[in-house]
Amino acid sequence: MKELELKYGCNPNQKPAKIFTNDGRDLPIRVLNGRPGYINLLDAFNSWQLVKELKAATGMPAAASFKHVSPAGAAVAKPMSDTLKKIYFVDDLELSPIATAYARARGADRMSSYGDWAALSDVCDKETATLLAREVSDGIIAPGYTDEALAIYNIVAIDPSYQPVPVEHKDVFGITFEQGRNELKIDADMLTNLVTENKEIPEDAKLDLVLSLITLKYTQSNSVCYAKDGQAIGIGAGQQSRIHCTRLAGNKADIWYLRQHEKVLNLPFKEGIRRPDRDNTIDVYISEEHDDVLRDGVWQQFFTEKPEVFTREEKAAWLATFKGVSVGSDAFFPFGDNIERAHKSGVEFIAQPGGSIRDDNVIDTCNKYGIAMAFTGIRLFHH
């Protein structure tokens, strides 16, 4: 197939729309079910690159959850604790390695992953299809599918051997931009230039830093990614200010950790509550707007009994136990305020390009908290 006609482009008024290759080759995909749209396929091709590189770098099955051309989550198939299975709502499922990777990728930020595009490094199996079938997801890209997985809507199969041409083009306002593809290989060798007093990064943190950097390579800039235990736990994408990226990603990481508190784990939800309603209720319950789901006449819609408030003091005490988090940044941190914010979310390891005129301030702030930071020397802007 040389080209694929689409219903419309980014918006319904943008017609005609199609995808094709400039070099005359066949498209490297087959649509096995459904009719993916323009934005779906942007998500598909970006997310496929991410999971393919993540598996190559780690040797583990990898998955991503994409929304509007940025990842909401990315992960590898590390075993999950019972707590993570519960907060990701997969504690009732048998999970294969690739299903585990997707459960992690989608589960970290379930609010952002609603209506996502899924990407798998490995064949989509029955276990992953079962997980996807009960979520709201726009579609999936993978190198193959078992027979049981073919009922998912919007299935795209990609040839894993496909290699794009080394120079890419993009049209903006009738002007064609040309650049070499970002073929940068990201691995633990990028983490050797440790500029802080603490020069120890354990192997599990190296994996998390590599995961965060590969995730950032396919995230709209500016971007910052918090990672722990083989998965992204907070991604701040598309912000003009670096500190806003760091705050946004840090806030998402905090929510991920707060969801593991016993008060949240034991919320008395009514039987049959819809999964999106449950996700939204948890998000509001954790926030300072908790009265929106706890006031009389409202809580009865979600709970069998009125939960106690998750107080600011309880949240602060729980977050004080948050440790071992890694952070990657797609460009340098200009000031130490980014480190101050990252430290509040348990960050102990950082990878960033370096190169700010205030690198000394950033390094000093890391040293104040015993954070180990590597300068990679590589910027990862993506637009």
Protein backbone atom coordinates (compact mmCIF):
# COMPACT_ATOMS: atom_id res chain seq x y z
CA MET A 1 0.00 0.00 0.00
CA LYS A 2 1.55 3.28 -1.18
CA GLU A 3 -0.83 5.66 0.64
CA LEU A 4 -3.70 5.66 3.10
CA GLU A 5 -6.57 8.10 2.70
CA LEU A 6 -7.83 9.60 5.95
CA LYS A 7 -11.23 11.00 6.87
CA TYR A 8 -9.69 14.42 7.62
CA GLY A 9 -6.56 16.02 9.09
CA CYS A 10 -6.14 17.51 12.57
CA ASN A 11 -9.68 18.94 12.39
CA PRO A 12 -12.78 17.98 10.38
CA ASN A 13 -12.44 21.03 8.12
CA GLN A 14 -8.93 20.01 7.01
CA LYS A 15 -9.47 17.97 3.86
CA PRO A 16 -8.15 16.15 1.94
CA ALA A 17 -5.92 14.08 4.22
CA LYS A 18 -3.69 11.06 3.68
CA ILE A 19 -0.34 9.53 4.61
CA PHE A 20 2.29 8.29 2.17
CA THR A 21 6.05 7.88 1.84
CA ASN A 22 8.12 10.41 -0.11
CA ASP A 23 10.51 7.76 -1.41
CA GLY A 24 7.84 5.69 -3.17
CA ARG A 25 8.10 2.71 -0.84
CA ASP A 26 5.05 0.94 0.53
CA LEU A 27 3.78 2.16 3.87
CA PRO A 28 5.25 0.07 6.72
CA ILE A 29 1.83 -0.41 8.34
CA ARG A 30 -1.36 -2.38 7.81
CA VAL A 31 -4.68 -1.32 9.32
CA LEU A 32 -6.21 -4.56 10.60
CA ASN A 33 -9.33 -3.07 12.16
CA GLY A 34 -11.07 0.31 12.35
CA ARG A 35 -10.14 3.56 10.65
CA PRO A 36 -7.41 5.46 12.51
CA GLY A 37 -7.31 9.21 12.03
CA TYR A 38 -4.60 11.76 11.35
CA ILE A 39 -3.75 12.42 15.03
CA ASN A 40 -4.04 8.70 15.80
CA LEU A 41 -1.32 7.98 13.26
CA LEU A 42 0.89 10.81 14.52
CA ASP A 43 0.62 9.18 17.94
CA ALA A 44 1.20 5.75 16.42
CA PHE A 45 4.45 6.58 14.63
CA ASN A 46 5.89 8.60 17.53
CA SER A 47 4.94 6.03 20.15
CA TRP A 48 6.27 3.12 18.07
CA GLN A 49 9.69 4.76 17.88
CA LEU A 50 9.66 5.24 21.65
CA VAL A 51 8.84 1.64 22.54
CA LYS A 52 11.17 0.21 19.92
CA GLU A 53 14.09 2.25 21.28
CA LEU A 54 13.14 1.54 24.88
CA LYS A 55 13.20 -2.20 24.31
CA ALA A 56 16.51 -1.95 22.45
CA ALA A 57 18.03 0.03 25.32
CA THR A 58 16.74 -2.14 28.18
CA GLY A 59 16.18 -5.59 26.69
CA MET A 60 12.66 -5.63 28.18
CA PRO A 61 9.22 -5.43 26.55
CA ALA A 62 8.12 -1.79 26.45
CA ALA A 63 4.84 0.08 26.10
CA ALA A 64 3.63 3.65 25.84
CA SER A 65 0.38 5.52 26.24
CA PHE A 66 0.17 8.58 23.94
CA LYS A 67 -2.18 11.57 23.76
CA HIS A 68 -1.87 14.44 21.28
CA VAL A 69 1.62 13.48 20.12
CA SER A 70 3.18 13.25 23.59
CA PRO A 71 3.42 10.30 25.97
CA ALA A 72 1.14 10.22 28.99
CA GLY A 73 3.17 7.23 30.16
CA ALA A 74 5.94 4.82 29.16
CA ALA A 75 7.23 1.71 30.87
CA VAL A 76 9.10 -1.56 30.63
CA ALA A 77 7.89 -4.94 31.88
CA LYS A 78 9.24 -4.95 35.43
CA PRO A 79 7.11 -6.94 37.89
CA MET A 80 4.51 -4.89 39.76
CA SER A 81 3.80 -4.80 43.47
CA ASP A 82 0.31 -5.63 44.69
CA THR A 83 -0.15 -1.92 45.47
CA LEU A 84 0.63 -0.88 41.90
CA LYS A 85 -1.68 -3.55 40.52
CA LYS A 86 -4.44 -2.16 42.73
CA ILE A 87 -3.99 1.51 41.81
CA TYR A 88 -3.75 0.57 38.11
CA PHE A 89 -6.94 -1.54 38.50
CA VAL A 90 -5.36 -4.71 37.10
CA ASP A 91 -5.21 -6.75 40.31
CA ASP A 92 -7.91 -9.06 38.92
CA LEU A 93 -6.02 -9.87 35.69
CA GLU A 94 -3.35 -12.31 34.62
CA LEU A 95 -0.67 -10.18 32.96
CA SER A 96 1.95 -11.20 30.44
CA PRO A 97 5.20 -9.18 30.29
CA ILE A 98 3.92 -6.91 27.50
CA ALA A 99 0.58 -6.47 29.28
CA THR A 100 2.51 -5.52 32.42
CA ALA A 101 4.43 -2.88 30.50
CA TYR A 102 1.20 -1.37 29.14
CA ALA A 103 -0.55 -1.53 32.53
CA ARG A 104 2.34 0.49 33.95
CA ALA A 105 2.41 2.95 31.05
CA ARG A 106 -1.31 3.64 31.22
CA GLY A 107 -1.65 3.41 34.99
CA ALA A 108 0.79 6.10 36.06
CA ASP A 109 -1.39 9.00 34.81
CA ARG A 110 -4.81 7.51 34.16
CA MET A 111 -6.43 10.91 33.74
CA SER A 112 -4.15 11.82 30.84
CA SER A 113 -4.30 8.31 29.35
CA TYR A 114 -8.07 8.39 28.90
CA GLY A 115 -8.67 7.93 25.16
CA ASP A 116 -4.99 7.20 24.54
CA TRP A 117 -3.14 5.55 21.69
CA ALA A 118 -1.27 2.46 22.88
CA ALA A 119 2.08 1.27 21.55
CA LEU A 120 3.72 -2.10 22.22
CA SER A 121 7.23 -3.25 21.39
CA ASP A 122 6.04 -6.87 21.23
CA VAL A 123 3.12 -8.82 19.78
CA CYS A 124 -0.21 -7.82 21.33
CA ASP A 125 -1.44 -10.92 23.15
CA LYS A 126 -4.71 -11.97 24.77
CA GLU A 127 -3.74 -10.51 28.15
CA THR A 128 -2.99 -7.07 26.72
CA ALA A 129 -6.13 -7.15 24.58
CA THR A 130 -8.22 -7.98 27.66
CA LEU A 131 -6.73 -5.01 29.48
CA LEU A 132 -7.31 -2.65 26.55
CA ALA A 133 -10.87 -3.82 25.99
CA ARG A 134 -12.09 -2.44 29.30
CA GLU A 135 -10.38 0.94 28.96
CA VAL A 136 -11.23 3.89 26.72
CA SER A 137 -8.46 3.83 24.13
CA ASP A 138 -8.40 5.11 20.54
CA GLY A 139 -6.22 2.35 19.16
CA ILE A 140 -2.94 0.49 19.18
CA ILE A 141 0.23 -0.04 17.17
CA ALA A 142 2.30 -3.21 17.57
CA PRO A 143 4.45 -5.49 15.42
CA GLY A 144 1.78 -8.20 15.49
CA TYR A 145 -1.38 -9.54 17.12
CA THR A 146 -2.65 -12.88 18.33
CA ASP A 147 -6.08 -13.94 17.08
CA GLU A 148 -7.71 -12.96 20.40
CA ALA A 149 -6.38 -9.40 20.07
CA LEU A 150 -7.91 -8.66 16.67
CA ALA A 151 -11.21 -7.40 18.10
CA ILE A 152 -9.66 -4.19 19.43
CA TYR A 153 -10.80 -1.06 17.58
CA ASN A 154 -8.22 0.75 15.40
CA ILE A 155 -5.50 -1.86 15.12
CA VAL A 156 -2.32 -0.92 13.27
CA ALA A 157 0.40 -3.49 12.60
CA ILE A 158 3.86 -2.13 11.78
CA ASP A 159 6.77 -3.84 10.09
CA PRO A 160 9.43 -3.89 12.86
CA SER A 161 12.21 -3.97 10.27
CA TYR A 162 11.14 -0.67 8.67
CA GLN A 163 13.85 2.00 8.58
CA PRO A 164 12.93 5.54 7.50
CA VAL A 165 15.14 7.61 5.22
CA PRO A 166 17.81 9.55 7.15
CA VAL A 167 16.49 13.00 6.15
CA GLU A 168 12.97 14.10 7.08
CA HIS A 169 10.72 16.94 5.90
CA LYS A 170 7.88 18.95 7.38
CA ASP A 171 5.69 21.61 5.76
CA VAL A 172 4.66 24.73 7.67
CA PHE A 173 2.78 27.57 5.95
CA GLY A 174 3.79 26.26 2.55
CA ILE A 175 7.48 26.15 3.52
CA THR A 176 9.31 22.82 3.64
CA PHE A 177 11.71 22.22 6.52
CA GLU A 178 14.43 19.60 6.16
CA GLN A 179 16.59 18.01 8.84
CA GLY A 180 18.43 14.83 9.60
CA ARG A 181 16.42 12.40 11.71
CA ASN A 182 17.25 12.28 15.40
CA GLU A 183 19.04 8.93 15.35
CA LEU A 184 20.74 9.52 18.71
CA LYS A 185 21.21 6.29 20.65
CA ILE A 186 20.34 6.74 24.31
CA ASP A 187 21.82 4.34 26.84
CA ALA A 188 23.61 4.27 30.19
CA ASP A 189 26.87 5.41 28.55
CA MET A 190 25.36 8.91 28.51
CA LEU A 191 25.35 8.96 32.32
CA THR A 192 29.10 8.84 32.96
CA ASN A 193 29.78 12.60 33.32
CA LEU A 194 28.71 13.01 36.94
CA VAL A 195 29.22 16.64 37.96
CA THR A 196 27.96 16.47 41.55
CA GLU A 197 29.63 15.40 44.78
CA ASN A 198 27.45 12.29 44.77
CA LYS A 199 28.72 10.20 41.88
CA GLU A 200 26.79 7.01 42.61
CA ILE A 201 23.86 6.06 40.40
CA PRO A 202 22.65 2.48 41.02
CA GLU A 203 21.67 0.27 38.10
CA ASP A 204 17.92 0.58 38.66
CA ALA A 205 18.21 4.39 38.64
CA LYS A 206 20.29 4.23 35.43
CA LEU A 207 17.45 2.30 33.81
CA ASP A 208 14.97 4.93 34.99
CA LEU A 209 17.13 7.76 33.64
CA VAL A 210 17.51 6.05 30.28
CA LEU A 211 13.75 5.51 30.19
CA SER A 212 13.11 9.17 31.01
CA LEU A 213 15.48 10.39 28.28
CA ILE A 214 14.01 8.11 25.61
CA THR A 215 10.54 9.25 26.67
CA LEU A 216 11.61 12.89 26.33
CA LYS A 217 12.99 12.25 22.86
CA TYR A 218 9.37 11.79 21.72
CA THR A 219 7.69 14.39 23.97
CA GLN A 220 6.72 17.88 22.80
CA SER A 221 9.24 20.36 24.21
CA ASN A 222 9.94 21.79 26.67
CA SER A 223 9.67 18.58 28.67
CA VAL A 224 10.72 16.94 31.93
CA CYS A 225 10.10 13.32 32.94
CA TYR A 226 10.08 11.77 36.43
CA ALA A 227 10.63 7.99 36.50
CA LYS A 228 10.77 5.22 39.08
CA ASP A 229 10.90 1.43 38.99
CA GLY A 230 10.96 1.16 35.20
CA GLN A 231 8.20 3.59 34.31
CA ALA A 232 7.47 7.26 33.82
CA ILE A 233 5.45 8.55 36.78
CA GLY A 234 5.11 12.19 35.74
CA ILE A 235 5.63 13.90 32.38
CA GLY A 236 5.54 17.67 31.92
CA ALA A 237 5.20 18.34 28.19
CA GLY A 238 4.94 21.33 25.89
CA GLN A 239 5.59 24.10 28.40
CA GLN A 240 7.41 27.31 27.46
CA SER A 241 9.05 27.52 30.90
CA ARG A 242 11.39 24.84 32.22
CA ILE A 243 10.27 25.28 35.83
CA HIS A 244 6.65 24.84 34.75
CA CYS A 245 7.64 21.50 33.15
CA THR A 246 9.34 20.47 36.38
CA ARG A 247 6.36 21.50 38.50
CA LEU A 248 3.81 19.86 36.21
CA ALA A 249 5.71 16.58 36.03
CA GLY A 250 6.42 16.71 39.77
CA ASN A 251 2.77 17.28 40.60
CA LYS A 252 1.84 14.26 38.49
CA ALA A 253 4.50 12.17 40.24
CA ASP A 254 3.11 13.28 43.60
CA ILE A 255 -0.40 12.21 42.59
CA TRP A 256 0.98 8.83 41.49
CA TYR A 257 2.50 8.35 44.95
CA LEU A 258 -0.48 9.73 46.86
CA ARG A 259 -2.69 7.16 45.12
CA GLN A 260 -0.73 4.51 47.02
CA HIS A 261 -1.74 5.88 50.44
CA GLU A 262 -4.08 3.65 52.44
CA LYS A 263 -6.80 6.30 52.48
CA VAL A 264 -6.94 6.25 48.68
CA LEU A 265 -6.49 2.50 48.37
CA ASN A 266 -9.43 1.94 50.69
CA LEU A 267 -11.92 4.43 49.25
CA PRO A 268 -15.40 2.78 49.50
CA PHE A 269 -16.52 3.09 45.88
CA LYS A 270 -20.02 2.05 44.91
CA GLU A 271 -20.37 -1.18 42.95
CA GLY A 272 -20.47 -0.61 39.20
CA ILE A 273 -18.93 2.88 39.14
CA ARG A 274 -17.49 3.59 35.68
CA ARG A 275 -13.70 3.47 35.45
CA PRO A 276 -13.35 7.08 34.17
CA ASP A 277 -15.62 8.32 36.99
CA ARG A 278 -13.51 6.47 39.53
CA ASP A 279 -10.30 7.94 38.11
CA ASN A 280 -11.71 11.46 38.19
CA THR A 281 -13.07 11.01 41.72
CA ILE A 282 -9.67 9.87 42.99
CA ASP A 283 -7.98 12.80 41.28
CA VAL A 284 -10.35 15.29 42.93
CA TYR A 285 -10.22 13.52 46.32
CA ILE A 286 -6.43 13.86 46.41
CA SER A 287 -6.54 17.54 45.44
CA GLU A 288 -7.39 20.62 47.48
CA GLU A 289 -10.83 20.57 45.80
CA HIS A 290 -11.77 17.38 47.67
CA ASP A 291 -15.07 18.91 48.81
CA ASP A 292 -16.26 18.61 45.21
CA VAL A 293 -16.65 14.85 45.78
CA LEU A 294 -17.17 14.82 49.56
CA ARG A 295 -19.94 17.34 50.16
CA ASP A 296 -23.36 16.05 51.16
CA GLY A 297 -25.50 15.21 48.18
CA VAL A 298 -22.43 14.51 46.04
CA TRP A 299 -20.41 11.80 47.80
CA GLN A 300 -23.41 9.45 47.60
CA GLN A 301 -22.93 9.31 43.80
CA PHE A 302 -19.52 7.66 44.20
CA PHE A 303 -19.18 6.06 47.64
CA THR A 304 -21.10 3.68 49.89
CA GLU A 305 -20.07 5.82 52.87
CA LYS A 306 -18.52 9.26 53.19
CA PRO A 307 -14.69 9.05 53.23
CA GLU A 308 -12.61 11.11 55.61
CA VAL A 309 -10.74 14.07 54.13
CA PHE A 310 -7.18 13.29 53.05
CA THR A 311 -5.69 16.21 54.94
CA ARG A 312 -2.87 18.45 53.79
CA GLU A 313 -0.82 17.27 56.78
CA GLU A 314 -1.38 13.60 55.92
CA LYS A 315 -0.39 14.19 52.31
CA ALA A 316 2.75 16.06 53.32
CA ALA A 317 3.75 13.28 55.72
CA TRP A 318 3.23 10.63 53.03
CA LEU A 319 5.15 12.59 50.38
CA ALA A 320 8.04 12.95 52.83
CA THR A 321 8.58 9.19 52.38
CA PHE A 322 8.82 9.50 48.57
CA LYS A 323 12.37 8.45 47.60
CA GLY A 324 14.49 7.05 44.76
CA VAL A 325 12.97 9.04 41.90
CA SER A 326 14.91 9.87 38.72
CA VAL A 327 14.41 12.92 36.49
CA GLY A 328 15.39 13.64 32.92
CA SER A 329 15.16 16.98 31.14
CA ASP A 330 15.21 17.57 27.38
CA ALA A 331 17.35 20.72 27.83
CA PHE A 332 19.43 22.25 30.60
CA PHE A 333 18.00 23.39 33.91
CA PRO A 334 18.64 27.15 33.91
CA PHE A 335 18.36 27.66 37.67
CA GLY A 336 18.45 25.71 40.91
CA ASP A 337 14.71 26.21 41.45
CA ASN A 338 14.10 23.16 39.24
CA ILE A 339 16.21 21.06 41.59
CA GLU A 340 14.39 22.44 44.64
CA ARG A 341 11.06 21.40 43.11
CA ALA A 342 12.34 17.99 42.01
CA HIS A 343 13.70 17.30 45.50
CA LYS A 344 10.18 17.75 46.94
CA SER A 345 9.08 14.72 44.89
CA GLY A 346 11.77 12.35 46.10
CA VAL A 347 14.25 12.93 43.27
CA GLU A 348 17.73 11.53 43.93
CA PHE A 349 19.06 11.15 40.38
CA ILE A 350 19.06 13.58 37.44
CA ALA A 351 20.18 13.50 33.80
CA GLN A 352 20.22 16.72 31.77
CA PRO A 353 22.39 18.21 29.02
CA GLY A 354 24.08 20.93 31.11
CA GLY A 355 25.27 24.13 29.51
CA SER A 356 23.45 26.81 31.49
CA ILE A 357 25.41 29.89 32.58
CA ARG A 358 24.08 28.98 36.04
CA ASP A 359 25.25 25.37 36.01
CA ASP A 360 27.17 26.14 39.20
CA ASN A 361 23.94 27.09 40.99
CA VAL A 362 22.20 23.94 39.71
CA ILE A 363 25.10 21.73 40.84
CA ASP A 364 25.27 23.43 44.25
CA THR A 365 21.55 22.83 44.76
CA CYS A 366 22.00 19.15 43.90
CA ASN A 367 24.89 18.93 46.35
CA LYS A 368 22.73 20.47 49.09
CA TYR A 369 20.40 17.46 48.85
CA GLY A 370 22.92 14.77 47.94
CA ILE A 371 21.43 14.36 44.46
CA ALA A 372 23.59 12.65 41.81
CA MET A 373 23.42 14.49 38.47
CA ALA A 374 24.89 13.54 35.10
CA PHE A 375 25.46 16.01 32.28
CA THR A 376 24.66 14.18 29.03
CA GLY A 377 25.75 16.99 26.72
CA ILE A 378 22.80 16.14 24.44
CA ARG A 379 19.64 18.21 23.91
CA LEU A 380 16.42 16.34 23.09
CA PHE A 381 14.02 18.96 21.71
CA HIS A 382 11.07 17.50 19.83
CA HIS A 383 8.56 19.47 17.75
